[in-house]
C-alpha atoms as a PDB file:
ATOM      1  CA  MET A   1      17.858 -20.520  34.910  1.00  0.00           C
ATOM      2  CA  ASN A   2      14.136 -20.088  34.281  1.00  0.00           C
ATOM      3  CA  PRO A   3      12.369 -23.404  35.144  1.00  0.00           C
ATOM      4  CA  LEU A   4      10.229 -23.297  31.985  1.00  0.00           C
ATOM      5  CA  TYR A   5      13.279 -22.700  29.809  1.00  0.00           C
ATOM      6  CA  ARG A   6      15.144 -25.579  31.560  1.00  0.00           C
ATOM      7  CA  PHE A   7      12.164 -27.895  30.982  1.00  0.00           C
ATOM      8  CA  MET A   8      11.897 -26.965  27.294  1.00  0.00           C
ATOM      9  CA  LYS A   9      15.628 -27.528  26.721  1.00  0.00           C
ATOM     10  CA  PHE A  10      15.376 -30.949  28.423  1.00  0.00           C
ATOM     11  CA  ILE A  11      12.473 -31.945  26.169  1.00  0.00           C
ATOM     12  CA  GLU A  12      14.297 -30.632  23.106  1.00  0.00           C
ATOM     13  CA  ASN A  13      17.407 -32.716  23.850  1.00  0.00           C
ATOM     14  CA  LYS A  14      15.675 -35.922  24.932  1.00  0.00           C
ATOM     15  CA  PHE A  15      12.468 -35.963  22.918  1.00  0.00           C
ATOM     16  CA  PRO A  16      12.786 -33.858  19.723  1.00  0.00           C
ATOM     17  CA  ILE A  17       9.489 -35.159  18.272  1.00  0.00           C
ATOM     18  CA  MET A  18       7.633 -34.156  21.447  1.00  0.00           C
ATOM     19  CA  MET A  19       9.272 -30.712  21.227  1.00  0.00           C
ATOM     20  CA  LEU A  20       7.953 -30.301  17.699  1.00  0.00           C
ATOM     21  CA  MET A  21       4.445 -31.231  18.861  1.00  0.00           C
ATOM     22  CA  LEU A  22       4.632 -28.728  21.731  1.00  0.00           C
ATOM     23  CA  SER A  23       5.724 -26.016  19.316  1.00  0.00           C
ATOM     24  CA  LEU A  24       2.786 -26.712  17.019  1.00  0.00           C
ATOM     25  CA  ILE A  25       0.386 -26.620  19.965  1.00  0.00           C
ATOM     26  CA  PHE A  26       1.841 -23.283  21.100  1.00  0.00           C
ATOM     27  CA  VAL A  27       1.451 -21.711  17.640  1.00  0.00           C
ATOM     28  CA  SER A  28      -2.118 -22.956  17.194  1.00  0.00           C
ATOM     29  CA  THR A  29      -3.081 -21.829  20.700  1.00  0.00           C
ATOM     30  CA  PHE A  30      -1.739 -18.282  20.514  1.00  0.00           C
ATOM     31  CA  THR A  31      -2.583 -17.439  16.895  1.00  0.00           C
ATOM     32  CA  LEU A  32      -5.763 -15.396  16.619  1.00  0.00           C
ATOM     33  CA  PRO A  33      -8.305 -17.051  14.319  1.00  0.00           C
ATOM     34  CA  GLY A  34      -9.467 -15.201  11.227  1.00  0.00           C
ATOM     35  CA  ARG A  35      -6.446 -12.885  10.969  1.00  0.00           C
ATOM     36  CA  GLU A  36      -3.621 -13.049   8.478  1.00  0.00           C
ATOM     37  CA  ILE A  37      -0.153 -13.336  10.037  1.00  0.00           C
ATOM     38  CA  HIS A  38       2.500 -10.944   8.711  1.00  0.00           C
ATOM     39  CA  ASP A  39       6.212 -10.637   9.233  1.00  0.00           C
ATOM     40  CA  ASP A  40       6.984  -7.255  10.754  1.00  0.00           C
ATOM     41  CA  LYS A  41       8.562  -4.961   8.175  1.00  0.00           C
ATOM     42  CA  LYS A  42       9.113  -1.366   7.160  1.00  0.00           C
ATOM     43  CA  VAL A  43       9.553  -0.496   3.493  1.00  0.00           C
ATOM     44  CA  GLN A  44      10.195   2.727   1.609  1.00  0.00           C
ATOM     45  CA  PHE A  45       7.779   1.985  -1.221  1.00  0.00           C
ATOM     46  CA  LEU A  46       8.046   5.239  -3.202  1.00  0.00           C
ATOM     47  CA  TRP A  47      10.461   8.136  -3.384  1.00  0.00           C
ATOM     48  CA  ARG A  48      11.669  10.725  -5.887  1.00  0.00           C
ATOM     49  CA  GLU A  49      14.935  10.994  -7.813  1.00  0.00           C
ATOM     50  CA  ASN A  50      16.201  13.440 -10.425  1.00  0.00           C
ATOM     51  CA  ILE A  51      16.313  11.320 -13.590  1.00  0.00           C
ATOM     52  CA  TYR A  52      17.355  12.327 -17.099  1.00  0.00           C
ATOM     53  CA  ASN A  53      14.520  12.248 -19.631  1.00  0.00           C
ATOM     54  CA  GLU A  54      15.700  11.731 -23.224  1.00  0.00           C
ATOM     55  CA  GLU A  55      12.448  12.985 -24.767  1.00  0.00           C
ATOM     56  CA  LEU A  56      12.626  16.257 -22.826  1.00  0.00           C
ATOM     57  CA  ASP A  57      16.430  16.373 -22.877  1.00  0.00           C
ATOM     58  CA  ASP A  58      16.350  17.414 -19.258  1.00  0.00           C
ATOM     59  CA  THR A  59      16.658  16.038 -15.724  1.00  0.00           C
ATOM     60  CA  ILE A  60      13.312  15.948 -13.932  1.00  0.00           C
ATOM     61  CA  SER A  61      12.046  14.822 -10.526  1.00  0.00           C
ATOM     62  CA  SER A  62      10.576  11.363 -11.103  1.00  0.00           C
ATOM     63  CA  ILE A  63       8.765   8.778  -8.995  1.00  0.00           C
ATOM     64  CA  VAL A  64      10.758   5.640  -8.145  1.00  0.00           C
ATOM     65  CA  ILE A  65       9.064   2.509  -6.770  1.00  0.00           C
ATOM     66  CA  ASP A  66      10.601  -0.457  -4.954  1.00  0.00           C
ATOM     67  CA  THR A  67       9.681  -3.060  -7.591  1.00  0.00           C
ATOM     68  CA  ALA A  68      11.485  -5.852  -5.702  1.00  0.00           C
ATOM     69  CA  TYR A  69       9.069  -5.350  -2.808  1.00  0.00           C
ATOM     70  CA  CYS A  70       6.124  -5.469  -5.242  1.00  0.00           C
ATOM     71  CA  ARG A  71       7.138  -8.995  -6.275  1.00  0.00           C
ATOM     72  CA  SER A  72       6.748 -10.299  -2.702  1.00  0.00           C
ATOM     73  CA  ILE A  73       3.960  -8.053  -1.450  1.00  0.00           C
ATOM     74  CA  THR A  74       1.076  -9.573   0.530  1.00  0.00           C
ATOM     75  CA  GLY A  75      -2.568  -9.099  -0.409  1.00  0.00           C
ATOM     76  CA  PRO A  76      -3.404  -6.726   2.471  1.00  0.00           C
ATOM     77  CA  GLU A  77      -0.315  -4.578   1.844  1.00  0.00           C
ATOM     78  CA  LYS A  78      -1.165  -4.384  -1.860  1.00  0.00           C
ATOM     79  CA  ALA A  79      -4.733  -3.322  -1.061  1.00  0.00           C
ATOM     80  CA  ALA A  80      -3.566  -0.655   1.420  1.00  0.00           C
ATOM     81  CA  LEU A  81      -1.151   0.872  -1.087  1.00  0.00           C
ATOM     82  CA  ALA A  82      -3.681   0.710  -3.924  1.00  0.00           C
ATOM     83  CA  TYR A  83      -6.240   2.480  -1.754  1.00  0.00           C
ATOM     84  CA  VAL A  84      -3.827   5.312  -0.953  1.00  0.00           C
ATOM     85  CA  ALA A  85      -2.737   5.581  -4.603  1.00  0.00           C
ATOM     86  CA  THR A  86      -6.341   5.940  -5.811  1.00  0.00           C
ATOM     87  CA  PHE A  87      -6.681   9.530  -4.629  1.00  0.00           C
ATOM     88  CA  VAL A  88      -3.284  11.091  -5.421  1.00  0.00           C
ATOM     89  CA  GLY A  89      -1.555  11.424  -8.795  1.00  0.00           C
ATOM     90  CA  ASN A  90       1.461   9.249  -9.533  1.00  0.00           C
ATOM     91  CA  GLU A  91       2.643  10.048 -13.048  1.00  0.00           C
ATOM     92  CA  CYS A  92      -0.669   9.055 -14.621  1.00  0.00           C
ATOM     93  CA  TRP A  93      -1.009   9.316 -18.405  1.00  0.00           C
ATOM     94  CA  TRP A  94      -3.235   7.890 -21.130  1.00  0.00           C
ATOM     95  CA  ASP A  95      -2.253   4.559 -22.644  1.00  0.00           C
ATOM     96  CA  GLY A  96      -2.532   5.720 -26.253  1.00  0.00           C
ATOM     97  CA  ASN A  97      -5.182   8.296 -27.085  1.00  0.00           C
ATOM     98  CA  ALA A  98      -7.452   9.226 -24.179  1.00  0.00           C
ATOM     99  CA  ALA A  99     -10.652   7.168 -24.262  1.00  0.00           C
ATOM    100  CA  ARG A 100     -13.945   9.084 -24.184  1.00  0.00           C
ATOM    101  CA  ASP A 101     -14.867   7.422 -20.900  1.00  0.00           C
ATOM    102  CA  ARG A 102     -11.351   8.073 -19.480  1.00  0.00           C
ATOM    103  CA  SER A 103     -10.915   4.335 -18.980  1.00  0.00           C
ATOM    104  CA  ASN A 104      -7.280   4.011 -20.119  1.00  0.00           C
ATOM    105  CA  LEU A 105      -5.401   6.159 -17.583  1.00  0.00           C
ATOM    106  CA  LYS A 106      -2.197   4.331 -16.693  1.00  0.00           C
ATOM    107  CA  CYS A 107      -0.690   5.227 -13.295  1.00  0.00           C
ATOM    108  CA  LYS A 108       2.732   4.247 -12.042  1.00  0.00           C
ATOM    109  CA  ILE A 109       1.699   2.698  -8.711  1.00  0.00           C
ATOM    110  CA  LEU A 110      -1.213   0.629 -10.044  1.00  0.00           C
ATOM    111  CA  THR A 111       1.031  -0.605 -12.865  1.00  0.00           C
ATOM    112  CA  ALA A 112       3.686  -1.691 -10.333  1.00  0.00           C
ATOM    113  CA  LEU A 113       0.962  -3.465  -8.314  1.00  0.00           C
ATOM    114  CA  ASP A 114      -0.455  -5.124 -11.477  1.00  0.00           C
ATOM    115  CA  LEU A 115      -3.903  -3.582 -10.969  1.00  0.00           C
ATOM    116  CA  GLY A 116      -4.591  -2.194 -14.432  1.00  0.00           C
ATOM    117  CA  TYR A 117      -5.836   1.281 -15.296  1.00  0.00           C
ATOM    118  CA  GLN A 118      -6.997   3.898 -12.800  1.00  0.00           C
ATOM    119  CA  CYS A 119     -10.639   3.239 -11.773  1.00  0.00           C
ATOM    120  CA  SER A 120     -10.792   0.099 -13.943  1.00  0.00           C
ATOM    121  CA  ASP A 121     -12.678  -3.065 -13.011  1.00  0.00           C
ATOM    122  CA  THR A 122      -9.342  -4.656 -12.073  1.00  0.00           C
ATOM    123  CA  HIS A 123      -8.440  -1.766  -9.778  1.00  0.00           C
ATOM    124  CA  PHE A 124     -11.888  -1.356  -8.227  1.00  0.00           C
ATOM    125  CA  GLY A 125     -12.633  -5.064  -8.052  1.00  0.00           C
ATOM    126  CA  TYR A 126      -9.542  -5.658  -5.956  1.00  0.00           C
ATOM    127  CA  LEU A 127     -10.300  -2.812  -3.551  1.00  0.00           C
ATOM    128  CA  ARG A 128     -13.982  -3.689  -3.219  1.00  0.00           C
ATOM    129  CA  GLN A 129     -13.004  -7.229  -2.280  1.00  0.00           C
ATOM    130  CA  TRP A 130     -10.651  -6.081   0.489  1.00  0.00           C
ATOM    131  CA  PHE A 131     -12.702  -3.130   1.830  1.00  0.00           C
ATOM    132  CA  ARG A 132     -16.160  -4.676   1.469  1.00  0.00           C
ATOM    133  CA  ASP A 133     -16.881  -4.340   5.226  1.00  0.00           C
ATOM    134  CA  ASP A 134     -15.611  -0.746   5.520  1.00  0.00           C
ATOM    135  CA  ALA A 135     -18.573   1.425   4.510  1.00  0.00           C
ATOM    136  CA  LYS A 136     -16.632   4.708   4.719  1.00  0.00           C
ATOM    137  CA  ALA A 137     -13.837   3.436   2.464  1.00  0.00           C
ATOM    138  CA  MET A 138     -16.333   2.001  -0.022  1.00  0.00           C
ATOM    139  CA  LEU A 139     -18.139   5.339  -0.194  1.00  0.00           C
ATOM    140  CA  LYS A 140     -14.895   7.230  -0.831  1.00  0.00           C
ATOM    141  CA  LEU A 141     -13.929   4.807  -3.605  1.00  0.00           C
ATOM    142  CA  GLU A 142     -17.049   5.802  -5.529  1.00  0.00           C
ATOM    143  CA  ASP A 143     -15.366   9.151  -6.245  1.00  0.00           C
ATOM    144  CA  CYS A 144     -12.410   7.844  -8.232  1.00  0.00           C
ATOM    145  CA  PRO A 145     -10.405  10.608  -9.983  1.00  0.00           C
ATOM    146  CA  THR A 146      -8.917  10.227 -13.458  1.00  0.00           C
ATOM    147  CA  THR A 147      -6.410  13.074 -13.460  1.00  0.00           C
ATOM    148  CA  PRO A 148      -3.428  12.999 -15.874  1.00  0.00           C
ATOM    149  CA  PHE A 149      -0.155  14.566 -14.786  1.00  0.00           C
ATOM    150  CA  THR A 150      -0.695  17.496 -17.161  1.00  0.00           C
ATOM    151  CA  ALA A 151      -3.837  18.707 -15.352  1.00  0.00           C
ATOM    152  CA  THR A 152      -3.900  22.356 -14.250  1.00  0.00           C
ATOM    153  CA  ILE A 153      -4.770  21.353 -10.683  1.00  0.00           C
ATOM    154  CA  GLN A 154      -3.199  18.157  -9.407  1.00  0.00           C
ATOM    155  CA  GLU A 155      -1.431  16.387  -6.548  1.00  0.00           C
ATOM    156  CA  THR A 156       1.433  13.952  -6.618  1.00  0.00           C
ATOM    157  CA  PHE A 157       3.348  11.768  -4.166  1.00  0.00           C
ATOM    158  CA  ASP A 158       6.761  12.737  -2.823  1.00  0.00           C
ATOM    159  CA  SER A 159       7.170   9.602  -0.694  1.00  0.00           C
ATOM    160  CA  ILE A 160       5.308   6.549   0.592  1.00  0.00           C
ATOM    161  CA  ASN A 161       6.439   4.324   3.473  1.00  0.00           C
ATOM    162  CA  ILE A 162       4.614   1.195   4.597  1.00  0.00           C
ATOM    163  CA  SER A 163       5.123  -0.611   7.896  1.00  0.00           C
ATOM    164  CA  VAL A 164       3.607  -3.869   9.119  1.00  0.00           C
ATOM    165  CA  SER A 165       3.356  -5.040  12.700  1.00  0.00           C
ATOM    166  CA  GLY A 166       1.212  -8.111  13.245  1.00  0.00           C
ATOM    167  CA  ASP A 167      -2.170  -7.387  11.688  1.00  0.00           C
ATOM    168  CA  VAL A 168      -1.661  -3.594  11.615  1.00  0.00           C
ATOM    169  CA  ILE A 169      -0.519  -1.878   8.408  1.00  0.00           C
ATOM    170  CA  ILE A 170       0.463   1.803   8.471  1.00  0.00           C
ATOM    171  CA  VAL A 171       0.986   3.795   5.270  1.00  0.00           C
ATOM    172  CA  GLU A 172       2.719   7.167   5.673  1.00  0.00           C
ATOM    173  CA  PHE A 173       2.931   9.461   2.657  1.00  0.00           C
ATOM    174  CA  SER A 174       3.783  13.018   1.679  1.00  0.00           C
ATOM    175  CA  VAL A 175       2.026  14.907  -1.103  1.00  0.00           C
ATOM    176  CA  THR A 176       2.684  18.054  -3.123  1.00  0.00           C
ATOM    177  CA  GLY A 177      -0.155  19.839  -4.906  1.00  0.00           C
ATOM    178  CA  PHE A 178      -0.160  22.455  -7.674  1.00  0.00           C
ATOM    179  CA  ASN A 179      -2.554  24.964  -9.163  1.00  0.00           C
ATOM    180  CA  LEU A 180      -0.669  26.032 -12.286  1.00  0.00           C
ATOM    181  CA  ARG A 181      -3.252  28.609 -13.309  1.00  0.00           C
ATOM    182  CA  GLU A 182      -2.918  30.528 -10.052  1.00  0.00           C
ATOM    183  CA  ASP A 183       0.745  29.635  -9.465  1.00  0.00           C
ATOM    184  CA  LEU A 184      -0.005  27.983  -6.109  1.00  0.00           C
ATOM    185  CA  ASP A 185       1.445  24.916  -4.411  1.00  0.00           C
ATOM    186  CA  TRP A 186       0.838  23.097  -1.140  1.00  0.00           C
ATOM    187  CA  HIS A 187       2.251  20.209   0.849  1.00  0.00           C
ATOM    188  CA  ARG A 188       0.890  17.765   3.375  1.00  0.00           C
ATOM    189  CA  LYS A 189       1.720  14.531   5.178  1.00  0.00           C
ATOM    190  CA  GLU A 190      -0.790  11.811   5.921  1.00  0.00           C
ATOM    191  CA  GLU A 191      -0.870   8.512   7.778  1.00  0.00           C
ATOM    192  CA  ILE A 192      -3.516   5.809   7.430  1.00  0.00           C
ATOM    193  CA  THR A 193      -3.717   2.841   9.786  1.00  0.00           C
ATOM    194  CA  PHE A 194      -5.323  -0.335   8.435  1.00  0.00           C
ATOM    195  CA  ARG A 195      -6.165  -3.520  10.322  1.00  0.00           C
ATOM    196  CA  SER A 196      -5.892  -6.735   8.359  1.00  0.00           C
ATOM    197  CA  TYR A 197      -8.162  -9.733   8.789  1.00  0.00           C
ATOM    198  CA  ALA A 198      -7.894 -12.988   6.850  1.00  0.00           C
ATOM    199  CA  ASP A 199      -9.352 -11.590   3.619  1.00  0.00           C
ATOM    200  CA  LYS A 200     -10.334  -7.989   4.323  1.00  0.00           C
ATOM    201  CA  LEU A 201      -9.045  -4.616   5.508  1.00  0.00           C
ATOM    202  CA  ILE A 202     -10.575  -2.006   7.793  1.00  0.00           C
ATOM    203  CA  ILE A 203      -9.329   1.582   8.099  1.00  0.00           C
ATOM    204  CA  GLU A 204      -8.879   2.253  11.809  1.00  0.00           C
ATOM    205  CA  LYS A 205      -7.365   5.740  11.851  1.00  0.00           C
ATOM    206  CA  GLU A 206      -6.405   8.595   9.522  1.00  0.00           C
ATOM    207  CA  PHE A 207      -4.138  11.550  10.230  1.00  0.00           C
ATOM    208  CA  SER A 208      -3.219  14.610   8.142  1.00  0.00           C
ATOM    209  CA  ASP A 209      -1.073  17.587   9.126  1.00  0.00           C
ATOM    210  CA  ASN A 210      -3.068  19.814   6.785  1.00  0.00           C
END
């Protein structure tokens, strides 16, 4: 038997309070300061299903989101998903009549994440807080699209998966694009790797097969 293991079991049996103190010392010693600790996980956040639409009286391919996961999501995971969702359509439509400044575009992912309208102060404020030290991400966020799902040229998600390992968050997603005027379509897969610190995110790596 490993001598360290034998020692720890002896302490645990004879001196449980001392064992608790040793455990606390171990955690505080080997936890990196300034980084948020996450439980490792892998979640299928978004997928598509053929769902009957009463208004259209037809079955259409619709986005489905894991709303149970949204209720327990961490701040960094929420920011990573909101960042990805900013640049690709996800069943976005006007909440009422379209405002002149296009400020009332309601998108499925931001609604599930409780982040208000597309490009709103709620949406942008949250992302600016998390990506404040990532100059490239902040620059990209300045070009926020407000594209409803009826647009002639648009892109939409087919799937989004998020995985967490320590302070690394990876979002993998697939996208389909359309140009209805020219009867064109395209597909691509992307992967973005984020690193999470206590109260901020940095994009470390981006990959696209297109």
